[in-house]
Amino acid sequence: MRVLAIDTALAACSAAVFDSDAGEALASETQAITRGHAEALMPLIARVMDQARIEFSDLDRVAVTTGPGSFTGMRVGISAARGIALAAAKPVIGLTTLAAYAAPLLAQDDSTPVAVVIDARHEHVYLQVFGRGGRTLVPPRIASVTEAMRNASVAPTRIVGDAANLVAAAWPATEPAPKLVENLPAPDIAWVARLGVTALENQAAPKPVYLRAPDAQPQDAARLARR
């Protein structure tokens, strides 16, 4: 199976073509950026496809991260993935950034829980805790840094995500320290692609996973009265 994977949900713009028969990525590129995903993504995908030496029609599916993360960034990636899949008549798979962060650690060892924490700003994080076999121990939610620390410290835990250092810094001296702290700005795009291979196909198009309302809200005073 050949999968085009796309990630623009956090501080990177990434794409990869993964061939499950070969067990490796045919091509991959990641740019570390916090803004400008819309301008960077399509040229980046074109370069990756050229390097992989395949056409969009040669793909079996498209995989894309759906968040949580940057509201604008994840919409850029989802729109691109849906457009490519529609034009190529291929299925499109949505994967959360939480699962993408956890995947390599669980593949390495699933006997120790993995707490994924993504910076949601204002001393809050997006949180999910995974256990053996990828089972969810704490479902996806937005939580204060303190609450996330408490959820993660119930057992020996590994922490990963762009807020890993933030949560680790709040760790109480009375609790055993985390076994691993990996502060990564974005998931590894190769693992987004690997998850795209194994994910079950869903007939519904992927949608953004927000976990909270946008910070910017329309003001009632600015609305025009209807006639």
C-alpha atoms as a PDB file:
ATOM      1  CA  MET A   1       0.000   0.000   0.000  1.00  0.00           C
ATOM      2  CA  ARG A   2       1.230   3.484  -0.883  1.00  0.00           C
ATOM      3  CA  VAL A   3       0.130   6.333   1.342  1.00  0.00           C
ATOM      4  CA  LEU A   4       0.629  10.057   1.028  1.00  0.00           C
ATOM      5  CA  ALA A   5       0.767  11.503   4.555  1.00  0.00           C
ATOM      6  CA  ILE A   6       0.273  15.200   5.336  1.00  0.00           C
ATOM      7  CA  ASP A   7       0.770  17.105   8.583  1.00  0.00           C
ATOM      8  CA  THR A   8       0.277  20.843   9.085  1.00  0.00           C
ATOM      9  CA  ALA A   9      -1.428  20.791  12.484  1.00  0.00           C
ATOM     10  CA  LEU A  10       1.488  22.077  14.568  1.00  0.00           C
ATOM     11  CA  ALA A  11       4.897  23.725  14.078  1.00  0.00           C
ATOM     12  CA  ALA A  12       5.802  21.883  10.892  1.00  0.00           C
ATOM     13  CA  CYS A  13       4.689  21.432   7.318  1.00  0.00           C
ATOM     14  CA  SER A  14       5.330  17.812   6.370  1.00  0.00           C
ATOM     15  CA  ALA A  15       4.531  15.234   3.728  1.00  0.00           C
ATOM     16  CA  ALA A  16       5.720  11.717   3.018  1.00  0.00           C
ATOM     17  CA  VAL A  17       4.985   8.878   0.628  1.00  0.00           C
ATOM     18  CA  PHE A  18       5.171   5.544   2.443  1.00  0.00           C
ATOM     19  CA  ASP A  19       5.230   2.137   0.764  1.00  0.00           C
ATOM     20  CA  SER A  20       4.113  -0.589   3.158  1.00  0.00           C
ATOM     21  CA  ASP A  21       5.384  -3.356   0.863  1.00  0.00           C
ATOM     22  CA  ALA A  22       8.878  -1.867   0.979  1.00  0.00           C
ATOM     23  CA  GLY A  23       8.434  -0.987   4.661  1.00  0.00           C
ATOM     24  CA  GLU A  24       9.850   2.493   4.175  1.00  0.00           C
ATOM     25  CA  ALA A  25       9.150   6.016   3.039  1.00  0.00           C
ATOM     26  CA  LEU A  26       9.855   6.565  -0.650  1.00  0.00           C
ATOM     27  CA  ALA A  27      10.193  10.292   0.007  1.00  0.00           C
ATOM     28  CA  SER A  28       9.695  12.666   2.900  1.00  0.00           C
ATOM     29  CA  GLU A  29      10.126  16.353   3.689  1.00  0.00           C
ATOM     30  CA  THR A  30       9.507  18.444   6.789  1.00  0.00           C
ATOM     31  CA  GLN A  31       9.766  22.212   7.159  1.00  0.00           C
ATOM     32  CA  ALA A  32       9.767  23.671  10.662  1.00  0.00           C
ATOM     33  CA  ILE A  33       7.287  26.554  10.450  1.00  0.00           C
ATOM     34  CA  THR A  34       4.600  28.009  12.689  1.00  0.00           C
ATOM     35  CA  ARG A  35       2.867  30.074   9.979  1.00  0.00           C
ATOM     36  CA  GLY A  36       2.512  29.982   6.210  1.00  0.00           C
ATOM     37  CA  HIS A  37       1.418  26.349   5.909  1.00  0.00           C
ATOM     38  CA  ALA A  38      -1.013  27.228   3.127  1.00  0.00           C
ATOM     39  CA  GLU A  39       1.759  28.678   0.944  1.00  0.00           C
ATOM     40  CA  ALA A  40       4.302  25.957   1.727  1.00  0.00           C
ATOM     41  CA  LEU A  41       2.220  22.785   1.580  1.00  0.00           C
ATOM     42  CA  MET A  42       1.380  22.196  -2.092  1.00  0.00           C
ATOM     43  CA  PRO A  43       4.919  22.893  -3.409  1.00  0.00           C
ATOM     44  CA  LEU A  44       6.244  20.596  -0.671  1.00  0.00           C
ATOM     45  CA  ILE A  45       3.822  17.813  -1.665  1.00  0.00           C
ATOM     46  CA  ALA A  46       4.834  18.245  -5.318  1.00  0.00           C
ATOM     47  CA  ARG A  47       8.511  17.813  -4.405  1.00  0.00           C
ATOM     48  CA  VAL A  48       7.769  14.704  -2.330  1.00  0.00           C
ATOM     49  CA  MET A  49       5.713  13.117  -5.111  1.00  0.00           C
ATOM     50  CA  ASP A  50       8.456  13.884  -7.651  1.00  0.00           C
ATOM     51  CA  GLN A  51      11.094  12.373  -5.375  1.00  0.00           C
ATOM     52  CA  ALA A  52       8.956   9.257  -4.854  1.00  0.00           C
ATOM     53  CA  ARG A  53       8.496   9.059  -8.632  1.00  0.00           C
ATOM     54  CA  ILE A  54       4.816   8.242  -8.492  1.00  0.00           C
ATOM     55  CA  GLU A  55       1.605   9.915  -9.581  1.00  0.00           C
ATOM     56  CA  PHE A  56      -1.366  10.681  -7.349  1.00  0.00           C
ATOM     57  CA  SER A  57      -3.244   7.927  -9.182  1.00  0.00           C
ATOM     58  CA  ASP A  58      -0.626   5.438  -7.928  1.00  0.00           C
ATOM     59  CA  LEU A  59      -1.538   6.123  -4.298  1.00  0.00           C
ATOM     60  CA  ASP A  60      -3.838   3.809  -2.353  1.00  0.00           C
ATOM     61  CA  ARG A  61      -4.916   6.422   0.178  1.00  0.00           C
ATOM     62  CA  VAL A  62      -4.143   9.821   1.675  1.00  0.00           C
ATOM     63  CA  ALA A  63      -3.620  10.316   5.417  1.00  0.00           C
ATOM     64  CA  VAL A  64      -3.743  13.643   7.246  1.00  0.00           C
ATOM     65  CA  THR A  65      -3.463  14.850  10.828  1.00  0.00           C
ATOM     66  CA  THR A  66      -6.719  16.343  12.093  1.00  0.00           C
ATOM     67  CA  GLY A  67      -5.468  17.965  15.307  1.00  0.00           C
ATOM     68  CA  PRO A  68      -5.691  19.084  17.963  1.00  0.00           C
ATOM     69  CA  GLY A  69      -3.302  21.868  17.096  1.00  0.00           C
ATOM     70  CA  SER A  70      -3.309  25.129  15.188  1.00  0.00           C
ATOM     71  CA  PHE A  71      -6.857  25.819  13.988  1.00  0.00           C
ATOM     72  CA  THR A  72      -5.609  27.331  10.722  1.00  0.00           C
ATOM     73  CA  GLY A  73      -2.847  24.800  10.162  1.00  0.00           C
ATOM     74  CA  MET A  74      -4.969  21.707  10.515  1.00  0.00           C
ATOM     75  CA  ARG A  75      -7.660  23.111   8.211  1.00  0.00           C
ATOM     76  CA  VAL A  76      -4.970  23.688   5.551  1.00  0.00           C
ATOM     77  CA  GLY A  77      -3.807  20.078   5.721  1.00  0.00           C
ATOM     78  CA  ILE A  78      -7.294  18.588   5.792  1.00  0.00           C
ATOM     79  CA  SER A  79      -8.442  20.685   2.827  1.00  0.00           C
ATOM     80  CA  ALA A  80      -5.392  19.653   0.793  1.00  0.00           C
ATOM     81  CA  ALA A  81      -5.815  15.973   1.660  1.00  0.00           C
ATOM     82  CA  ARG A  82      -9.500  15.971   0.816  1.00  0.00           C
ATOM     83  CA  GLY A  83      -8.840  17.765  -2.482  1.00  0.00           C
ATOM     84  CA  ILE A  84      -6.080  15.380  -3.534  1.00  0.00           C
ATOM     85  CA  ALA A  85      -8.126  12.329  -2.544  1.00  0.00           C
ATOM     86  CA  LEU A  86     -11.166  13.602  -4.420  1.00  0.00           C
ATOM     87  CA  ALA A  87      -9.185  14.366  -7.595  1.00  0.00           C
ATOM     88  CA  ALA A  88      -7.382  11.007  -7.491  1.00  0.00           C
ATOM     89  CA  ALA A  89     -10.503   9.062  -6.431  1.00  0.00           C
ATOM     90  CA  LYS A  90      -8.715   7.687  -3.375  1.00  0.00           C
ATOM     91  CA  PRO A  91      -9.871   7.329   0.242  1.00  0.00           C
ATOM     92  CA  VAL A  92      -8.646   9.856   2.795  1.00  0.00           C
ATOM     93  CA  ILE A  93      -7.869   8.929   6.415  1.00  0.00           C
ATOM     94  CA  GLY A  94      -7.866  11.338   9.361  1.00  0.00           C
ATOM     95  CA  LEU A  95      -5.461  10.745  12.265  1.00  0.00           C
ATOM     96  CA  THR A  96      -5.097  12.760  15.445  1.00  0.00           C
ATOM     97  CA  THR A  97      -1.815  14.430  16.331  1.00  0.00           C
ATOM     98  CA  LEU A  98      -2.155  12.740  19.736  1.00  0.00           C
ATOM     99  CA  ALA A  99      -2.069   9.267  18.180  1.00  0.00           C
ATOM    100  CA  ALA A 100       0.750  10.244  15.817  1.00  0.00           C
ATOM    101  CA  TYR A 101       2.921  11.423  18.710  1.00  0.00           C
ATOM    102  CA  ALA A 102       2.274   8.246  20.697  1.00  0.00           C
ATOM    103  CA  ALA A 103       2.752   5.726  17.867  1.00  0.00           C
ATOM    104  CA  PRO A 104       6.562   5.382  17.794  1.00  0.00           C
ATOM    105  CA  LEU A 105       6.815   5.048  21.576  1.00  0.00           C
ATOM    106  CA  LEU A 106       4.045   2.439  21.711  1.00  0.00           C
ATOM    107  CA  ALA A 107       5.648   0.523  18.852  1.00  0.00           C
ATOM    108  CA  GLN A 108       8.900   0.470  20.783  1.00  0.00           C
ATOM    109  CA  ASP A 109       7.310  -0.542  24.097  1.00  0.00           C
ATOM    110  CA  ASP A 110       3.622  -0.517  24.978  1.00  0.00           C
ATOM    111  CA  SER A 111       4.069  -1.735  28.562  1.00  0.00           C
ATOM    112  CA  THR A 112       4.686   1.810  29.861  1.00  0.00           C
ATOM    113  CA  PRO A 113       1.899   4.407  29.390  1.00  0.00           C
ATOM    114  CA  VAL A 114       2.461   7.340  27.045  1.00  0.00           C
ATOM    115  CA  ALA A 115       1.044  10.760  27.918  1.00  0.00           C
ATOM    116  CA  VAL A 116       0.784  13.022  24.881  1.00  0.00           C
ATOM    117  CA  VAL A 117       0.582  16.731  25.670  1.00  0.00           C
ATOM    118  CA  ILE A 118       0.216  19.506  23.100  1.00  0.00           C
ATOM    119  CA  ASP A 119       0.426  23.155  24.043  1.00  0.00           C
ATOM    120  CA  ALA A 120      -3.051  24.727  24.064  1.00  0.00           C
ATOM    121  CA  ARG A 121      -1.698  28.011  25.516  1.00  0.00           C
ATOM    122  CA  HIS A 122      -2.776  29.855  28.633  1.00  0.00           C
ATOM    123  CA  GLU A 123      -1.288  27.128  30.875  1.00  0.00           C
ATOM    124  CA  HIS A 124      -3.434  24.433  29.251  1.00  0.00           C
ATOM    125  CA  VAL A 125      -2.610  21.421  27.113  1.00  0.00           C
ATOM    126  CA  TYR A 126      -4.386  18.946  24.868  1.00  0.00           C
ATOM    127  CA  LEU A 127      -3.977  15.589  26.590  1.00  0.00           C
ATOM    128  CA  GLN A 128      -4.411  11.898  25.901  1.00  0.00           C
ATOM    129  CA  VAL A 129      -2.846   8.985  27.779  1.00  0.00           C
ATOM    130  CA  PHE A 130      -2.283   5.683  25.978  1.00  0.00           C
ATOM    131  CA  GLY A 131      -1.677   2.258  27.512  1.00  0.00           C
ATOM    132  CA  ARG A 132      -0.932  -1.274  26.383  1.00  0.00           C
ATOM    133  CA  GLY A 133      -1.890  -1.973  22.790  1.00  0.00           C
ATOM    134  CA  GLY A 134      -2.653   1.710  22.239  1.00  0.00           C
ATOM    135  CA  ARG A 135      -5.675   1.525  24.531  1.00  0.00           C
ATOM    136  CA  THR A 136      -6.872   4.925  25.746  1.00  0.00           C
ATOM    137  CA  LEU A 137      -6.372   5.383  29.485  1.00  0.00           C
ATOM    138  CA  VAL A 138      -7.302   9.081  29.535  1.00  0.00           C
ATOM    139  CA  PRO A 139      -9.444  10.220  26.581  1.00  0.00           C
ATOM    140  CA  PRO A 140      -8.583  13.305  24.525  1.00  0.00           C
ATOM    141  CA  ARG A 141      -9.326  16.506  26.424  1.00  0.00           C
ATOM    142  CA  ILE A 142      -8.097  19.983  27.188  1.00  0.00           C
ATOM    143  CA  ALA A 143      -6.610  20.225  30.668  1.00  0.00           C
ATOM    144  CA  SER A 144      -4.587  22.560  32.822  1.00  0.00           C
ATOM    145  CA  VAL A 145      -0.897  21.743  33.101  1.00  0.00           C
ATOM    146  CA  THR A 146      -1.486  20.642  36.700  1.00  0.00           C
ATOM    147  CA  GLU A 147      -4.388  18.390  35.749  1.00  0.00           C
ATOM    148  CA  ALA A 148      -2.353  16.871  32.919  1.00  0.00           C
ATOM    149  CA  MET A 149       0.503  16.181  35.323  1.00  0.00           C
ATOM    150  CA  ARG A 150      -1.882  14.460  37.738  1.00  0.00           C
ATOM    151  CA  ASN A 151      -3.361  12.306  34.980  1.00  0.00           C
ATOM    152  CA  ALA A 152       0.082  11.338  33.741  1.00  0.00           C
ATOM    153  CA  SER A 153       1.661  10.619  37.121  1.00  0.00           C
ATOM    154  CA  VAL A 154      -0.692   7.807  38.201  1.00  0.00           C
ATOM    155  CA  ALA A 155       1.891   5.304  36.892  1.00  0.00           C
ATOM    156  CA  PRO A 156       5.423   5.324  35.461  1.00  0.00           C
ATOM    157  CA  THR A 157       4.891   7.343  32.309  1.00  0.00           C
ATOM    158  CA  ARG A 158       6.587   8.604  29.191  1.00  0.00           C
ATOM    159  CA  ILE A 159       5.651  12.125  28.105  1.00  0.00           C
ATOM    160  CA  VAL A 160       5.799  13.315  24.494  1.00  0.00           C
ATOM    161  CA  GLY A 161       4.551  16.370  22.620  1.00  0.00           C
ATOM    162  CA  ASP A 162       5.390  20.032  22.239  1.00  0.00           C
ATOM    163  CA  ALA A 163       4.302  20.639  25.857  1.00  0.00           C
ATOM    164  CA  ALA A 164       6.253  17.725  27.340  1.00  0.00           C
ATOM    165  CA  ASN A 165       8.780  20.005  29.066  1.00  0.00           C
ATOM    166  CA  LEU A 166       5.947  22.154  30.420  1.00  0.00           C
ATOM    167  CA  VAL A 167       4.240  19.198  32.098  1.00  0.00           C
ATOM    168  CA  ALA A 168       7.509  17.655  33.271  1.00  0.00           C
ATOM    169  CA  ALA A 169       8.429  20.946  34.967  1.00  0.00           C
ATOM    170  CA  ALA A 170       5.220  20.702  37.037  1.00  0.00           C
ATOM    171  CA  TRP A 171       6.054  17.163  38.212  1.00  0.00           C
ATOM    172  CA  PRO A 172       5.931  16.843  42.019  1.00  0.00           C
ATOM    173  CA  ALA A 173       9.137  15.864  43.778  1.00  0.00           C
ATOM    174  CA  THR A 174       7.184  13.234  45.720  1.00  0.00           C
ATOM    175  CA  GLU A 175       6.326  11.265  42.553  1.00  0.00           C
ATOM    176  CA  PRO A 176       8.709   9.088  40.497  1.00  0.00           C
ATOM    177  CA  ALA A 177      10.082  11.119  37.599  1.00  0.00           C
ATOM    178  CA  PRO A 178       8.782  10.344  34.102  1.00  0.00           C
ATOM    179  CA  LYS A 179      10.708   7.570  32.386  1.00  0.00           C
ATOM    180  CA  LEU A 180      11.050   9.676  29.244  1.00  0.00           C
ATOM    181  CA  VAL A 181      10.351  13.285  28.247  1.00  0.00           C
ATOM    182  CA  GLU A 182      10.394  14.060  24.519  1.00  0.00           C
ATOM    183  CA  ASN A 183       9.574  17.664  23.663  1.00  0.00           C
ATOM    184  CA  LEU A 184       8.925  17.493  19.910  1.00  0.00           C
ATOM    185  CA  PRO A 185       7.439  20.346  17.850  1.00  0.00           C
ATOM    186  CA  ALA A 186       5.389  17.972  15.660  1.00  0.00           C
ATOM    187  CA  PRO A 187       4.849  14.240  15.107  1.00  0.00           C
ATOM    188  CA  ASP A 188       7.185  12.279  12.863  1.00  0.00           C
ATOM    189  CA  ILE A 189       5.540  12.341   9.423  1.00  0.00           C
ATOM    190  CA  ALA A 190       6.750   8.775   8.759  1.00  0.00           C
ATOM    191  CA  TRP A 191       4.592   7.583  11.654  1.00  0.00           C
ATOM    192  CA  VAL A 192       1.601   9.523  10.356  1.00  0.00           C
ATOM    193  CA  ALA A 193       2.073   7.544   7.144  1.00  0.00           C
ATOM    194  CA  ARG A 194       2.452   4.229   9.000  1.00  0.00           C
ATOM    195  CA  LEU A 195      -0.766   4.882  10.911  1.00  0.00           C
ATOM    196  CA  GLY A 196      -2.404   5.745   7.599  1.00  0.00           C
ATOM    197  CA  VAL A 197      -1.599   2.251   6.350  1.00  0.00           C
ATOM    198  CA  THR A 198      -3.124   0.441   9.328  1.00  0.00           C
ATOM    199  CA  ALA A 199      -6.099   2.751  10.019  1.00  0.00           C
ATOM    200  CA  LEU A 200      -9.572   1.486   9.211  1.00  0.00           C
ATOM    201  CA  GLU A 201     -11.198   3.199   6.282  1.00  0.00           C
ATOM    202  CA  ASN A 202     -14.001   5.563   7.221  1.00  0.00           C
ATOM    203  CA  GLN A 203     -16.550   6.754   4.710  1.00  0.00           C
ATOM    204  CA  ALA A 204     -16.790  10.137   6.427  1.00  0.00           C
ATOM    205  CA  ALA A 205     -14.334  12.826   5.335  1.00  0.00           C
ATOM    206  CA  PRO A 206     -11.833  13.812   8.064  1.00  0.00           C
ATOM    207  CA  LYS A 207     -12.741  16.851  10.163  1.00  0.00           C
ATOM    208  CA  PRO A 208     -10.664  19.034  12.488  1.00  0.00           C
ATOM    209  CA  VAL A 209     -10.372  17.873  16.095  1.00  0.00           C
ATOM    210  CA  TYR A 210     -10.549  21.104  18.088  1.00  0.00           C
ATOM    211  CA  LEU A 211     -11.226  19.984  21.704  1.00  0.00           C
ATOM    212  CA  ARG A 212     -12.032  23.626  22.490  1.00  0.00           C
ATOM    213  CA  ALA A 213     -13.740  26.625  20.905  1.00  0.00           C
ATOM    214  CA  PRO A 214     -11.651  29.155  18.946  1.00  0.00           C
ATOM    215  CA  ASP A 215     -10.154  32.053  20.933  1.00  0.00           C
ATOM    216  CA  ALA A 216     -11.551  34.548  18.447  1.00  0.00           C
ATOM    217  CA  GLN A 217     -15.312  34.886  18.724  1.00  0.00           C
ATOM    218  CA  PRO A 218     -17.585  37.221  16.723  1.00  0.00           C
ATOM    219  CA  GLN A 219     -18.786  40.214  18.685  1.00  0.00           C
ATOM    220  CA  ASP A 220     -22.532  40.723  18.879  1.00  0.00           C
ATOM    221  CA  ALA A 221     -22.100  44.466  18.441  1.00  0.00           C
ATOM    222  CA  ALA A 222     -20.330  43.905  15.129  1.00  0.00           C
ATOM    223  CA  ARG A 223     -23.138  41.889  13.595  1.00  0.00           C
ATOM    224  CA  LEU A 224     -25.374  43.515  11.037  1.00  0.00           C
ATOM    225  CA  ALA A 225     -29.069  43.419  11.780  1.00  0.00           C
ATOM    226  CA  ARG A 226     -31.101  41.300   9.379  1.00  0.00           C
ATOM    227  CA  ARG A 227     -33.879  42.988   7.459  1.00  0.00           C
END
